[in-house]
Protein backbone atom coordinates (compact mmCIF):
# COMPACT_ATOMS: atom_id res chain seq x y z
CA UNK A 1 73.37 1.86 42.62
CA UNK A 2 77.08 1.86 43.29
CA UNK A 3 78.84 3.88 45.97
CA UNK A 4 80.11 6.60 43.59
CA UNK A 5 76.65 7.29 42.18
CA UNK A 6 75.12 7.36 45.65
CA UNK A 7 77.83 9.74 46.90
CA UNK A 8 77.31 12.03 43.91
CA UNK A 9 73.55 12.01 44.51
CA UNK A 10 73.99 12.82 48.20
CA UNK A 11 76.45 15.59 47.34
CA UNK A 12 73.96 17.08 44.89
CA UNK A 13 71.19 16.97 47.49
CA UNK A 14 73.46 18.60 50.09
CA UNK A 15 74.47 21.37 47.65
CA UNK A 16 70.84 21.99 46.68
CA UNK A 17 69.67 22.12 50.31
CA UNK A 18 72.60 24.32 51.30
CA UNK A 19 71.96 26.76 48.47
CA UNK A 20 68.23 26.81 49.23
CA UNK A 21 68.91 27.49 52.91
CA UNK A 22 71.38 30.25 52.03
CA UNK A 23 68.80 31.89 49.71
CA UNK A 24 66.12 31.69 52.41
CA UNK A 25 68.38 33.20 55.08
CA UNK A 26 69.53 35.93 52.68
CA UNK A 27 65.92 36.81 51.84
CA UNK A 28 64.92 36.74 55.52
CA UNK A 29 67.76 39.09 56.48
CA UNK A 30 66.85 41.51 53.68
CA UNK A 31 63.18 41.37 54.65
CA UNK A 32 63.89 42.01 58.32
CA UNK A 33 66.20 44.91 57.45
CA UNK A 34 63.49 46.34 55.19
CA UNK A 35 60.87 45.98 57.95
CA UNK A 36 63.12 47.84 60.41
CA UNK A 37 63.64 50.70 57.95
CA UNK A 38 60.00 50.98 56.82
CA UNK A 39 58.18 53.74 58.68
CA UNK A 40 54.67 52.26 58.39
CA UNK A 41 53.33 49.12 60.04
CA UNK A 42 52.48 45.87 58.30
CA UNK A 43 48.76 46.45 58.82
CA UNK A 44 48.93 49.83 57.08
CA UNK A 45 50.95 48.28 54.25
CA UNK A 46 48.26 45.62 53.85
CA UNK A 47 45.58 48.33 53.74
CA UNK A 48 47.53 50.08 50.99
CA UNK A 49 48.08 46.92 48.93
CA UNK A 50 44.73 45.18 49.46
CA UNK A 51 42.37 47.45 47.41
CA UNK A 52 44.37 47.24 44.14
CA UNK A 53 44.75 43.48 44.58
CA UNK A 54 41.01 43.06 45.14
CA UNK A 55 40.27 45.24 42.11
CA UNK A 56 42.57 43.15 39.93
CA UNK A 57 40.95 39.95 41.19
CA UNK A 58 37.45 41.37 40.63
CA UNK A 59 38.32 42.22 37.03
CA UNK A 60 40.27 39.14 36.01
CA UNK A 61 38.59 36.25 37.85
CA UNK A 62 35.35 36.48 35.82
CA UNK A 63 37.41 36.67 32.64
CA UNK A 64 39.36 33.57 33.63
CA UNK A 65 36.14 31.77 34.57
CA UNK A 66 34.65 32.45 31.10
CA UNK A 67 37.79 31.48 29.21
CA UNK A 68 37.14 27.72 28.80
CA UNK A 69 33.67 28.26 27.31
CA UNK A 70 34.97 30.89 24.87
CA UNK A 71 37.57 28.62 23.29
CA UNK A 72 36.94 28.14 19.56
CA UNK A 73 37.02 24.34 19.74
CA UNK A 74 36.68 21.77 22.47
CA UNK A 75 39.58 19.60 23.52
CA UNK A 76 38.09 16.57 21.77
CA UNK A 77 37.72 18.51 18.51
CA UNK A 78 41.34 19.64 18.72
CA UNK A 79 42.48 16.05 19.31
CA UNK A 80 40.44 14.90 16.30
CA UNK A 81 41.82 17.66 14.06
CA UNK A 82 45.37 16.89 15.19
CA UNK A 83 44.93 13.18 14.48
CA UNK A 84 43.46 13.92 11.04
CA UNK A 85 46.36 16.27 10.18
CA UNK A 86 48.90 13.68 11.38
CA UNK A 87 47.30 11.05 9.13
CA UNK A 88 47.47 13.43 6.16
CA UNK A 89 51.13 14.13 6.88
CA UNK A 90 51.91 10.42 7.23
CA UNK A 91 50.14 9.64 3.94
CA UNK A 92 52.94 11.34 1.98
CA UNK A 93 56.21 10.18 3.56
CA UNK A 94 58.32 11.31 0.59
CA UNK A 95 57.46 14.99 1.04
CA UNK A 96 58.95 17.33 3.62
CA UNK A 97 56.74 17.36 6.75
CA UNK A 98 57.30 21.08 7.27
CA UNK A 99 56.16 21.88 3.72
CA UNK A 100 53.13 19.65 4.22
CA UNK A 101 52.30 21.46 7.44
CA UNK A 102 52.55 24.85 5.73
CA UNK A 103 50.36 23.62 2.87
CA UNK A 104 47.71 22.38 5.31
CA UNK A 105 47.89 25.58 7.35
CA UNK A 106 47.32 27.66 4.22
CA UNK A 107 44.21 25.75 3.26
CA UNK A 108 45.75 23.12 1.01
CA UNK A 109 47.49 25.52 -1.36
CA UNK A 110 51.21 25.25 -1.89
CA UNK A 111 52.99 27.86 0.21
CA UNK A 112 55.63 28.35 -2.45
CA UNK A 113 53.09 29.72 -4.94
CA UNK A 114 52.25 32.71 -2.70
């Protein structure tokens, strides 16, 4: 790496760190100003925010836990279907790949006939 590239890299790092530090300080100042002007304590704010957060977690965590088993096909099946479709598309190099994809997506019928 030559000196110009290294200098440019160091300048970029310095700008990134400076901007990040400026954003952090700006956020911290706004947060501290907000805390001074807020009439209720942090503990009371947590008591206000905690029940809705727990309710949301209680509703959505079981849904997220069941999601992988409710997928219509396993990852291996999807890889196999993708490989099979790629082979079909590669078998006809003279045709437009997008038209071939539309034909395969519509069950083998030409999409222009619909």
